[in-house]
N, C-alpha and C. Protein backbone atom coordinates (compact mmCIF):
# COMPACT_ATOMS: atom_id res chain seq x y z
N UNK A 1 -63.63 62.26 -22.21
CA UNK A 1 -62.97 62.10 -20.93
C UNK A 1 -63.66 61.00 -20.13
N UNK A 2 -62.87 60.17 -19.45
CA UNK A 2 -63.40 59.10 -18.61
C UNK A 2 -63.34 59.52 -17.15
N UNK A 3 -64.16 58.85 -16.35
CA UNK A 3 -64.20 59.09 -14.92
C UNK A 3 -64.26 57.74 -14.20
N UNK A 4 -63.56 57.63 -13.09
CA UNK A 4 -63.52 56.41 -12.29
C UNK A 4 -63.66 56.80 -10.83
N UNK A 5 -64.46 56.03 -10.08
CA UNK A 5 -64.66 56.30 -8.65
C UNK A 5 -64.59 54.99 -7.87
N UNK A 6 -63.88 55.04 -6.74
CA UNK A 6 -63.83 53.87 -5.86
C UNK A 6 -63.64 54.36 -4.42
N UNK A 7 -64.19 53.60 -3.48
CA UNK A 7 -63.97 53.86 -2.07
C UNK A 7 -63.08 52.77 -1.50
N UNK A 8 -62.12 53.17 -0.68
CA UNK A 8 -61.25 52.24 0.02
C UNK A 8 -61.61 52.34 1.50
N UNK A 9 -61.97 51.21 2.08
CA UNK A 9 -62.43 51.17 3.47
C UNK A 9 -61.34 50.68 4.41
N UNK A 10 -61.37 51.19 5.63
CA UNK A 10 -60.40 50.83 6.66
C UNK A 10 -61.11 50.47 7.95
N UNK A 11 -60.49 49.56 8.69
CA UNK A 11 -60.88 49.26 10.06
C UNK A 11 -59.59 49.29 10.87
N UNK A 12 -59.23 50.44 11.37
CA UNK A 12 -57.99 50.61 12.13
C UNK A 12 -58.29 50.27 13.59
N UNK A 13 -57.61 49.26 14.16
CA UNK A 13 -57.91 48.84 15.52
C UNK A 13 -57.42 49.81 16.60
N UNK A 14 -56.48 50.68 16.25
CA UNK A 14 -55.95 51.64 17.22
C UNK A 14 -56.55 53.02 16.98
N UNK A 15 -56.33 53.92 17.90
CA UNK A 15 -56.84 55.28 17.75
C UNK A 15 -56.13 56.01 16.61
N UNK A 16 -54.81 55.82 16.51
CA UNK A 16 -54.04 56.52 15.48
C UNK A 16 -53.16 55.54 14.71
N UNK A 17 -53.01 55.81 13.41
CA UNK A 17 -52.14 54.99 12.57
C UNK A 17 -51.93 55.69 11.24
N UNK A 18 -50.83 55.32 10.57
CA UNK A 18 -50.57 55.75 9.21
C UNK A 18 -50.56 54.50 8.34
N UNK A 19 -51.33 54.53 7.24
CA UNK A 19 -51.47 53.38 6.36
C UNK A 19 -51.01 53.78 4.96
N UNK A 20 -50.11 52.99 4.39
CA UNK A 20 -49.63 53.23 3.03
C UNK A 20 -50.77 52.97 2.04
N UNK A 21 -51.10 53.98 1.25
CA UNK A 21 -52.19 53.89 0.26
C UNK A 21 -51.69 53.68 -1.17
N UNK A 22 -50.43 53.97 -1.43
CA UNK A 22 -49.92 53.99 -2.81
C UNK A 22 -50.28 52.73 -3.60
N UNK A 23 -50.05 51.52 -3.08
CA UNK A 23 -50.39 50.33 -3.88
C UNK A 23 -51.88 50.26 -4.26
N UNK A 24 -52.75 50.63 -3.35
CA UNK A 24 -54.19 50.61 -3.65
C UNK A 24 -54.54 51.66 -4.70
N UNK A 25 -53.89 52.82 -4.64
CA UNK A 25 -54.13 53.85 -5.66
C UNK A 25 -53.61 53.42 -7.02
N UNK A 26 -52.47 52.72 -7.04
CA UNK A 26 -51.94 52.19 -8.30
C UNK A 26 -52.91 51.18 -8.90
N UNK A 27 -53.53 50.36 -8.05
CA UNK A 27 -54.56 49.41 -8.53
C UNK A 27 -55.74 50.16 -9.14
N UNK A 28 -56.14 51.24 -8.50
CA UNK A 28 -57.27 52.04 -9.02
C UNK A 28 -56.94 52.61 -10.38
N UNK A 29 -55.73 53.13 -10.55
CA UNK A 29 -55.34 53.70 -11.85
C UNK A 29 -55.40 52.61 -12.91
N UNK A 30 -54.89 51.44 -12.58
CA UNK A 30 -54.91 50.33 -13.54
C UNK A 30 -56.35 49.95 -13.91
N UNK A 31 -57.22 49.81 -12.89
CA UNK A 31 -58.63 49.47 -13.14
C UNK A 31 -59.34 50.53 -13.96
N UNK A 32 -58.97 51.80 -13.77
CA UNK A 32 -59.65 52.89 -14.46
C UNK A 32 -59.37 52.89 -15.96
N UNK A 33 -58.20 52.39 -16.35
CA UNK A 33 -57.81 52.43 -17.76
C UNK A 33 -57.37 53.81 -18.22
N UNK A 34 -57.34 54.77 -17.32
CA UNK A 34 -56.96 56.14 -17.67
C UNK A 34 -55.44 56.23 -17.79
N UNK A 35 -54.97 56.80 -18.89
CA UNK A 35 -53.54 56.93 -19.16
C UNK A 35 -53.01 58.31 -18.80
N UNK A 36 -53.83 59.33 -19.01
CA UNK A 36 -53.42 60.71 -18.75
C UNK A 36 -54.56 61.41 -18.02
N UNK A 37 -54.27 61.93 -16.83
CA UNK A 37 -55.32 62.61 -16.09
C UNK A 37 -54.90 62.97 -14.69
N UNK A 38 -55.87 63.00 -13.80
CA UNK A 38 -55.65 63.37 -12.40
C UNK A 38 -56.36 62.40 -11.48
N UNK A 39 -55.71 62.09 -10.37
CA UNK A 39 -56.30 61.27 -9.33
C UNK A 39 -56.47 62.13 -8.09
N UNK A 40 -57.68 62.15 -7.56
CA UNK A 40 -57.98 62.80 -6.29
C UNK A 40 -58.22 61.71 -5.26
N UNK A 41 -57.59 61.80 -4.11
CA UNK A 41 -57.85 60.87 -3.01
C UNK A 41 -58.09 61.70 -1.78
N UNK A 42 -59.28 61.57 -1.19
CA UNK A 42 -59.58 62.35 0.01
C UNK A 42 -60.22 61.50 1.10
N UNK A 43 -59.91 61.86 2.32
CA UNK A 43 -60.50 61.21 3.49
C UNK A 43 -61.96 61.64 3.57
N UNK A 44 -62.83 60.69 3.82
CA UNK A 44 -64.26 60.97 3.89
C UNK A 44 -64.72 61.15 5.35
N UNK A 45 -63.78 61.39 6.23
CA UNK A 45 -64.08 61.57 7.66
C UNK A 45 -63.27 62.75 8.19
N UNK A 46 -63.85 63.52 9.08
CA UNK A 46 -63.22 64.75 9.55
C UNK A 46 -62.18 64.52 10.64
N UNK A 47 -61.88 63.27 10.93
CA UNK A 47 -60.81 62.95 11.88
C UNK A 47 -59.75 62.06 11.23
N UNK A 48 -59.64 62.14 9.90
CA UNK A 48 -58.66 61.36 9.16
C UNK A 48 -58.07 62.24 8.06
N UNK A 49 -56.93 61.81 7.52
CA UNK A 49 -56.19 62.62 6.57
C UNK A 49 -55.65 61.75 5.44
N UNK A 50 -55.37 62.38 4.30
CA UNK A 50 -54.60 61.76 3.23
C UNK A 50 -53.47 62.73 2.91
N UNK A 51 -52.24 62.23 2.86
CA UNK A 51 -51.10 63.10 2.63
C UNK A 51 -50.00 62.34 1.89
N UNK A 52 -49.04 63.09 1.35
CA UNK A 52 -47.91 62.51 0.64
C UNK A 52 -46.64 62.83 1.41
N UNK A 53 -45.83 61.79 1.62
CA UNK A 53 -44.52 61.98 2.23
C UNK A 53 -43.70 60.72 2.04
N UNK A 54 -42.58 60.62 2.73
CA UNK A 54 -41.66 59.49 2.63
C UNK A 54 -42.18 58.31 3.45
N UNK A 55 -41.95 57.10 2.96
CA UNK A 55 -42.35 55.89 3.68
C UNK A 55 -41.19 55.45 4.57
N UNK A 56 -41.02 56.17 5.67
CA UNK A 56 -39.90 55.91 6.57
C UNK A 56 -40.44 55.90 8.00
N UNK A 57 -40.23 54.77 8.70
CA UNK A 57 -40.82 54.58 10.03
C UNK A 57 -40.43 55.67 11.02
N UNK A 58 -39.18 56.11 10.99
CA UNK A 58 -38.75 57.17 11.90
C UNK A 58 -39.51 58.46 11.66
N UNK A 59 -39.76 58.77 10.39
CA UNK A 59 -40.53 59.98 10.06
C UNK A 59 -41.95 59.87 10.60
N UNK A 60 -42.54 58.70 10.48
CA UNK A 60 -43.91 58.50 10.98
C UNK A 60 -43.95 58.66 12.49
N UNK A 61 -42.93 58.18 13.19
CA UNK A 61 -42.85 58.40 14.64
C UNK A 61 -42.70 59.89 14.94
N UNK A 62 -41.92 60.60 14.13
CA UNK A 62 -41.77 62.04 14.30
C UNK A 62 -43.11 62.75 14.11
N UNK A 63 -43.86 62.35 13.07
CA UNK A 63 -45.20 62.93 12.87
C UNK A 63 -46.06 62.71 14.11
N UNK A 64 -46.07 61.50 14.62
CA UNK A 64 -46.89 61.17 15.78
C UNK A 64 -46.52 62.05 16.97
N UNK A 65 -45.24 62.18 17.27
CA UNK A 65 -44.81 63.01 18.41
C UNK A 65 -45.14 64.48 18.17
N UNK A 66 -44.89 64.96 16.97
CA UNK A 66 -45.13 66.36 16.63
C UNK A 66 -46.62 66.70 16.74
N UNK A 67 -47.46 65.83 16.15
CA UNK A 67 -48.91 66.06 16.22
C UNK A 67 -49.42 66.01 17.65
N UNK A 68 -48.88 65.11 18.44
CA UNK A 68 -49.33 64.99 19.84
C UNK A 68 -48.91 66.22 20.65
N UNK A 69 -47.77 66.82 20.31
CA UNK A 69 -47.38 68.07 20.99
C UNK A 69 -48.29 69.22 20.57
N UNK A 70 -48.66 69.27 19.30
CA UNK A 70 -49.52 70.35 18.81
C UNK A 70 -50.96 70.22 19.29
N UNK A 71 -51.47 68.99 19.33
CA UNK A 71 -52.87 68.74 19.70
C UNK A 71 -52.92 67.46 20.55
N UNK A 72 -52.55 67.55 21.82
CA UNK A 72 -52.52 66.35 22.66
C UNK A 72 -53.92 65.76 22.86
N UNK A 73 -53.97 64.44 22.84
CA UNK A 73 -55.25 63.76 23.04
C UNK A 73 -55.85 64.08 24.41
N UNK A 74 -55.01 64.03 25.45
CA UNK A 74 -55.50 64.21 26.82
C UNK A 74 -54.80 65.40 27.46
N UNK A 75 -55.42 66.04 28.44
CA UNK A 75 -56.73 65.69 29.01
C UNK A 75 -57.85 66.12 28.07
N UNK A 76 -58.86 65.28 27.99
CA UNK A 76 -60.00 65.56 27.12
C UNK A 76 -60.68 66.87 27.48
N UNK A 77 -60.62 67.24 28.74
CA UNK A 77 -61.31 68.45 29.22
C UNK A 77 -60.70 69.74 28.68
N UNK A 78 -59.54 69.68 28.04
CA UNK A 78 -58.92 70.90 27.52
C UNK A 78 -59.63 71.44 26.28
N UNK A 79 -60.52 70.65 25.70
CA UNK A 79 -61.19 71.04 24.46
C UNK A 79 -62.67 71.27 24.67
N UNK A 80 -63.18 72.38 24.16
CA UNK A 80 -64.62 72.68 24.24
C UNK A 80 -65.45 71.69 23.43
N UNK A 81 -64.87 71.15 22.36
CA UNK A 81 -65.58 70.19 21.52
C UNK A 81 -65.90 68.89 22.27
N UNK A 82 -65.08 68.55 23.24
CA UNK A 82 -65.21 67.26 23.92
C UNK A 82 -66.30 67.27 24.99
N UNK A 83 -67.51 67.57 24.58
CA UNK A 83 -68.67 67.43 25.46
C UNK A 83 -69.40 66.20 24.96
N UNK A 84 -69.24 65.09 25.67
CA UNK A 84 -69.81 63.83 25.22
C UNK A 84 -68.95 63.13 24.19
N UNK A 85 -67.82 63.74 23.82
CA UNK A 85 -66.89 63.15 22.85
C UNK A 85 -65.48 63.26 23.41
N UNK A 86 -64.55 62.58 22.74
CA UNK A 86 -63.15 62.67 23.16
C UNK A 86 -62.21 62.77 21.96
N UNK A 87 -62.67 63.39 20.86
CA UNK A 87 -61.87 63.38 19.64
C UNK A 87 -61.51 64.75 19.08
N UNK A 88 -61.57 65.79 19.91
CA UNK A 88 -61.22 67.13 19.41
C UNK A 88 -59.81 67.15 18.85
N UNK A 89 -58.89 66.46 19.51
CA UNK A 89 -57.50 66.43 19.03
C UNK A 89 -57.43 65.85 17.61
N UNK A 90 -58.26 64.86 17.31
CA UNK A 90 -58.25 64.23 15.99
C UNK A 90 -58.70 65.22 14.91
N UNK A 91 -59.66 66.07 15.21
CA UNK A 91 -60.09 67.11 14.26
C UNK A 91 -58.93 68.07 13.96
N UNK A 92 -58.20 68.46 15.00
CA UNK A 92 -57.08 69.37 14.82
C UNK A 92 -55.94 68.71 14.03
N UNK A 93 -55.65 67.45 14.34
CA UNK A 93 -54.59 66.73 13.64
C UNK A 93 -54.92 66.59 12.16
N UNK A 94 -56.17 66.33 11.85
CA UNK A 94 -56.60 66.23 10.44
C UNK A 94 -56.39 67.56 9.72
N UNK A 95 -56.71 68.67 10.39
CA UNK A 95 -56.53 69.98 9.78
C UNK A 95 -55.06 70.23 9.46
N UNK A 96 -54.19 69.81 10.35
CA UNK A 96 -52.75 70.00 10.14
C UNK A 96 -52.24 69.14 8.99
N UNK A 97 -52.66 67.89 8.92
CA UNK A 97 -52.13 66.94 7.93
C UNK A 97 -52.83 67.01 6.58
N UNK A 98 -54.01 67.61 6.54
CA UNK A 98 -54.68 67.81 5.26
C UNK A 98 -55.75 66.78 4.95
N UNK A 99 -56.64 67.15 4.06
CA UNK A 99 -57.80 66.33 3.70
C UNK A 99 -57.53 65.42 2.52
N UNK A 100 -56.80 65.92 1.49
CA UNK A 100 -56.69 65.18 0.25
C UNK A 100 -55.37 65.43 -0.46
N UNK A 101 -55.15 64.60 -1.50
CA UNK A 101 -54.04 64.80 -2.42
C UNK A 101 -54.59 64.70 -3.84
N UNK A 102 -53.93 65.40 -4.74
CA UNK A 102 -54.20 65.30 -6.17
C UNK A 102 -52.88 64.92 -6.82
N UNK A 103 -52.91 63.85 -7.63
CA UNK A 103 -51.70 63.32 -8.24
C UNK A 103 -51.93 63.20 -9.74
N UNK A 104 -50.95 63.63 -10.52
CA UNK A 104 -51.02 63.45 -11.97
C UNK A 104 -50.91 61.97 -12.31
N UNK A 105 -51.66 61.57 -13.33
CA UNK A 105 -51.54 60.23 -13.91
C UNK A 105 -50.91 60.44 -15.28
N UNK A 106 -49.75 59.81 -15.49
CA UNK A 106 -49.00 59.96 -16.73
C UNK A 106 -48.60 58.57 -17.23
N UNK A 107 -48.96 58.27 -18.44
CA UNK A 107 -48.62 56.96 -18.99
C UNK A 107 -49.24 55.82 -18.20
N UNK A 108 -50.42 56.06 -17.63
CA UNK A 108 -51.13 55.03 -16.88
C UNK A 108 -50.55 54.74 -15.50
N UNK A 109 -49.71 55.66 -15.00
CA UNK A 109 -49.09 55.46 -13.69
C UNK A 109 -49.17 56.74 -12.86
N UNK A 110 -49.15 56.59 -11.54
CA UNK A 110 -49.07 57.76 -10.67
C UNK A 110 -47.76 58.48 -10.92
N UNK A 111 -47.82 59.78 -11.08
CA UNK A 111 -46.63 60.59 -11.38
C UNK A 111 -46.10 61.20 -10.08
N UNK A 112 -45.50 60.33 -9.24
CA UNK A 112 -44.97 60.75 -7.94
C UNK A 112 -43.47 60.98 -8.04
N UNK A 113 -42.94 61.80 -7.13
CA UNK A 113 -41.51 62.00 -7.03
C UNK A 113 -40.82 60.75 -6.52
N UNK A 114 -39.48 60.72 -6.54
CA UNK A 114 -38.74 59.49 -6.24
C UNK A 114 -39.02 58.89 -4.85
N UNK A 115 -39.30 59.68 -3.85
CA UNK A 115 -39.52 59.14 -2.50
C UNK A 115 -40.96 59.32 -2.06
N UNK A 116 -41.80 59.89 -2.90
CA UNK A 116 -43.18 60.19 -2.49
C UNK A 116 -44.05 58.94 -2.45
N UNK A 117 -44.80 58.84 -1.35
CA UNK A 117 -45.79 57.79 -1.17
C UNK A 117 -47.04 58.45 -0.58
N UNK A 118 -48.19 57.83 -0.79
CA UNK A 118 -49.46 58.38 -0.30
C UNK A 118 -49.88 57.58 0.93
N UNK A 119 -50.34 58.32 1.95
CA UNK A 119 -50.73 57.71 3.21
C UNK A 119 -52.12 58.16 3.65
N UNK A 120 -52.79 57.25 4.34
CA UNK A 120 -54.01 57.56 5.08
C UNK A 120 -53.57 57.75 6.53
N UNK A 121 -53.94 58.85 7.12
CA UNK A 121 -53.65 59.12 8.53
C UNK A 121 -54.93 59.02 9.34
N UNK A 122 -54.95 58.12 10.28
CA UNK A 122 -56.12 57.92 11.15
C UNK A 122 -55.82 58.54 12.52
N UNK A 123 -56.72 59.38 12.99
CA UNK A 123 -56.51 60.07 14.26
C UNK A 123 -57.61 59.78 15.28
N UNK A 124 -58.64 59.03 14.88
CA UNK A 124 -59.72 58.65 15.80
C UNK A 124 -60.30 57.33 15.30
N UNK A 125 -59.49 56.29 15.35
CA UNK A 125 -59.86 55.01 14.78
C UNK A 125 -60.80 54.19 15.63
N UNK A 126 -60.69 52.90 15.47
CA UNK A 126 -61.52 51.91 16.16
C UNK A 126 -62.93 51.84 15.60
N UNK A 127 -63.09 52.33 14.37
CA UNK A 127 -64.37 52.18 13.67
C UNK A 127 -64.11 52.25 12.17
N UNK A 128 -65.08 51.85 11.39
CA UNK A 128 -64.94 51.76 9.95
C UNK A 128 -64.90 53.16 9.32
N UNK A 129 -63.91 53.37 8.44
CA UNK A 129 -63.77 54.65 7.74
C UNK A 129 -63.33 54.40 6.30
N UNK A 130 -63.33 55.48 5.49
CA UNK A 130 -63.04 55.30 4.06
C UNK A 130 -62.36 56.52 3.46
N UNK A 131 -61.76 56.28 2.30
CA UNK A 131 -61.28 57.35 1.44
C UNK A 131 -61.96 57.21 0.09
N UNK A 132 -62.10 58.33 -0.58
CA UNK A 132 -62.65 58.36 -1.93
C UNK A 132 -61.50 58.50 -2.91
N UNK A 133 -61.54 57.72 -3.96
CA UNK A 133 -60.59 57.83 -5.07
C UNK A 133 -61.38 58.21 -6.31
N UNK A 134 -61.04 59.33 -6.92
CA UNK A 134 -61.70 59.78 -8.14
C UNK A 134 -60.61 60.07 -9.17
N UNK A 135 -60.73 59.43 -10.33
CA UNK A 135 -59.75 59.62 -11.38
C UNK A 135 -60.48 60.11 -12.62
N UNK A 136 -59.97 61.18 -13.21
CA UNK A 136 -60.54 61.70 -14.46
C UNK A 136 -59.43 61.83 -15.48
N UNK A 137 -59.76 61.61 -16.73
CA UNK A 137 -58.77 61.74 -17.79
C UNK A 137 -59.12 60.89 -19.00
N UNK A 138 -58.13 60.65 -19.80
CA UNK A 138 -58.31 59.90 -21.04
C UNK A 138 -57.43 58.66 -21.06
């Protein structure tokens, strides 16, 4: 069995954003040489997420509005965590959207459904962050 590891780094200039990861993950699968196996991609920060859904701008706007209703950024004082910080909402948003995805690799390609794409969700940006890509298989 082979193993491949890579980190993908981000510098998101805004507090929140969704970034399409699928092409970078496809590059990782190709570099790994693995034909059959599993790919794990996880956010390495507790205020960011990796998730699978449709690549549709309206849906991303819906996510943003929905998450903001569930865990509004302001007022900062509503959260006990925000003592000297202002990112409690980002921790909650990450919990809702999830930490990682696991995707089958079949025939040297990501085995995604017809509309599935992988995204990095940033909820407390404006600094350097990363995701881990780990692929195992043959």
